[in-house]
Amino acid sequence: MSSGEREEKQWKCGKAISVVNLQRVGTMVKDVREPCLSQSPIKVVITVSKMLKPEKWESTFDSNGKVSGFRKALKLIVLGGVDPSIRPEVWEFLLGCYALGTTSESRTQLRTARSVG
């Protein structure tokens, strides 16, 4: 190959029929990466005073154990995080394991069924 010609490398993955031009992929990655690196670093500040504490979490439930003030709790979670003592229960809601309208009794039954199965 002469010095003026570039060798184009091709890559095949498993039984894939398509061929990827590594030079083109490298250019796309470079285009995405450079602007991101030129920006100033983002500082994340978590204020403990705005953290979702157990008392606030418990106050988001009504007498049947249904969530009634989730937006306020979510705001505290975003601004200050979640107290470690209630993280497992809070994350079950954040991940959608339970609907906001479920009662505490139905959540207990679901937890029991998951741990047995």
Protein backbone atom coordinates (compact mmCIF):
# COMPACT_ATOMS: atom_id res chain seq x y z
CA MET A 1 0.00 0.00 0.00
CA SER A 2 1.35 3.43 -0.83
CA SER A 3 1.77 6.14 1.81
CA GLY A 4 -1.13 8.17 0.32
CA GLU A 5 -3.67 5.37 0.71
CA ARG A 6 -5.36 4.57 3.97
CA GLU A 7 -6.07 1.03 4.93
CA GLU A 8 -9.73 0.65 5.87
CA LYS A 9 -10.17 -1.90 8.65
CA GLN A 10 -13.38 -3.83 8.79
CA TRP A 11 -14.87 -5.47 11.80
CA LYS A 12 -17.33 -8.32 11.92
CA CYS A 13 -19.20 -9.27 15.06
CA GLY A 14 -20.27 -12.89 15.45
CA LYS A 15 -22.50 -13.94 12.60
CA ALA A 16 -23.39 -10.38 11.69
CA ILE A 17 -23.64 -9.71 8.00
CA SER A 18 -23.03 -5.97 8.21
CA VAL A 19 -19.52 -4.56 8.18
CA VAL A 20 -18.56 -1.51 10.24
CA ASN A 21 -16.00 0.99 9.04
CA LEU A 22 -13.79 1.57 12.12
CA GLN A 23 -12.47 4.83 10.73
CA ARG A 24 -16.01 6.23 10.49
CA VAL A 25 -16.92 4.97 13.99
CA GLY A 26 -13.74 6.51 15.40
CA THR A 27 -14.67 9.85 13.86
CA MET A 28 -18.17 9.72 15.34
CA VAL A 29 -16.80 8.92 18.80
CA LYS A 30 -14.31 11.75 18.47
CA ASP A 31 -17.08 14.16 17.47
CA VAL A 32 -19.17 13.18 20.49
CA ARG A 33 -16.31 13.13 22.97
CA GLU A 34 -14.58 16.45 22.27
CA PRO A 35 -17.45 18.85 23.04
CA CYS A 36 -18.20 16.97 26.26
CA LEU A 37 -14.63 17.32 27.48
CA SER A 38 -14.45 21.04 26.72
CA GLN A 39 -17.30 21.87 29.11
CA SER A 40 -16.65 22.85 32.68
CA PRO A 41 -17.14 20.08 35.24
CA ILE A 42 -20.55 19.83 36.88
CA LYS A 43 -20.59 20.12 40.63
CA VAL A 44 -23.14 18.04 42.48
CA VAL A 45 -24.14 19.41 45.84
CA ILE A 46 -26.29 17.34 48.14
CA THR A 47 -27.65 19.15 51.15
CA VAL A 48 -28.32 16.95 54.15
CA SER A 49 -31.05 19.29 55.39
CA LYS A 50 -33.11 18.51 52.27
CA MET A 51 -32.52 14.76 52.43
CA LEU A 52 -35.61 12.54 52.62
CA LYS A 53 -35.64 11.41 56.24
CA PRO A 54 -37.69 8.55 57.75
CA GLU A 55 -40.18 10.95 59.39
CA LYS A 56 -40.90 12.71 56.08
CA TRP A 57 -41.16 9.39 54.23
CA GLU A 58 -43.67 8.04 56.76
CA SER A 59 -45.71 11.24 56.48
CA THR A 60 -46.20 10.64 52.73
CA PHE A 61 -48.52 7.69 53.50
CA ASP A 62 -52.18 7.91 54.53
CA SER A 63 -53.86 5.70 57.17
CA ASN A 64 -54.17 2.78 54.67
CA GLY A 65 -50.51 3.00 53.72
CA LYS A 66 -51.18 4.57 50.31
CA VAL A 67 -48.77 7.23 49.10
CA SER A 68 -50.37 10.68 49.12
CA GLY A 69 -47.47 13.15 48.95
CA PHE A 70 -44.99 11.53 46.60
CA ARG A 71 -44.13 14.74 44.71
CA LYS A 72 -42.81 16.36 47.89
CA ALA A 73 -40.82 13.24 48.73
CA LEU A 74 -39.45 13.10 45.19
CA LYS A 75 -38.33 16.73 45.42
CA LEU A 76 -36.42 15.96 48.62
CA ILE A 77 -34.87 12.90 46.98
CA VAL A 78 -33.66 14.97 44.02
CA LEU A 79 -32.34 17.82 46.18
CA GLY A 80 -30.76 15.87 49.02
CA GLY A 81 -30.89 12.12 48.49
CA VAL A 82 -32.40 9.44 50.70
CA ASP A 83 -31.56 8.58 54.29
CA PRO A 84 -29.76 5.20 54.24
CA SER A 85 -32.20 3.65 56.71
CA ILE A 86 -35.14 3.95 54.27
CA ARG A 87 -33.35 3.48 50.93
CA PRO A 88 -34.59 -0.05 50.17
CA GLU A 89 -38.24 0.90 50.64
CA VAL A 90 -37.92 4.20 48.75
CA TRP A 91 -36.13 2.55 45.83
CA GLU A 92 -38.92 0.00 45.50
CA PHE A 93 -41.23 2.91 44.68
CA LEU A 94 -38.70 4.73 42.48
CA LEU A 95 -38.11 1.58 40.41
CA GLY A 96 -41.83 0.98 39.99
CA CYS A 97 -42.04 -2.21 42.05
CA TYR A 98 -45.17 -0.79 43.66
CA ALA A 99 -47.84 1.51 42.32
CA LEU A 100 -48.40 4.62 44.40
CA GLY A 101 -51.95 3.45 45.13
CA THR A 102 -50.95 0.18 46.81
CA THR A 103 -51.62 -0.33 50.50
CA SER A 104 -48.98 -1.30 53.02
CA GLU A 105 -50.68 -4.70 53.38
CA SER A 106 -50.45 -5.44 49.64
CA ARG A 107 -46.78 -4.37 49.57
CA THR A 108 -46.04 -6.71 52.50
CA GLN A 109 -47.72 -9.57 50.63
CA LEU A 110 -45.69 -8.79 47.48
CA ARG A 111 -42.43 -8.68 49.46
CA THR A 112 -43.25 -12.01 51.11
CA ALA A 113 -44.11 -13.61 47.76
CA ARG A 114 -40.83 -12.37 46.22
CA SER A 115 -38.71 -13.62 49.11
CA VAL A 116 -40.33 -17.08 49.04
CA GLY A 117 -40.11 -17.48 45.27
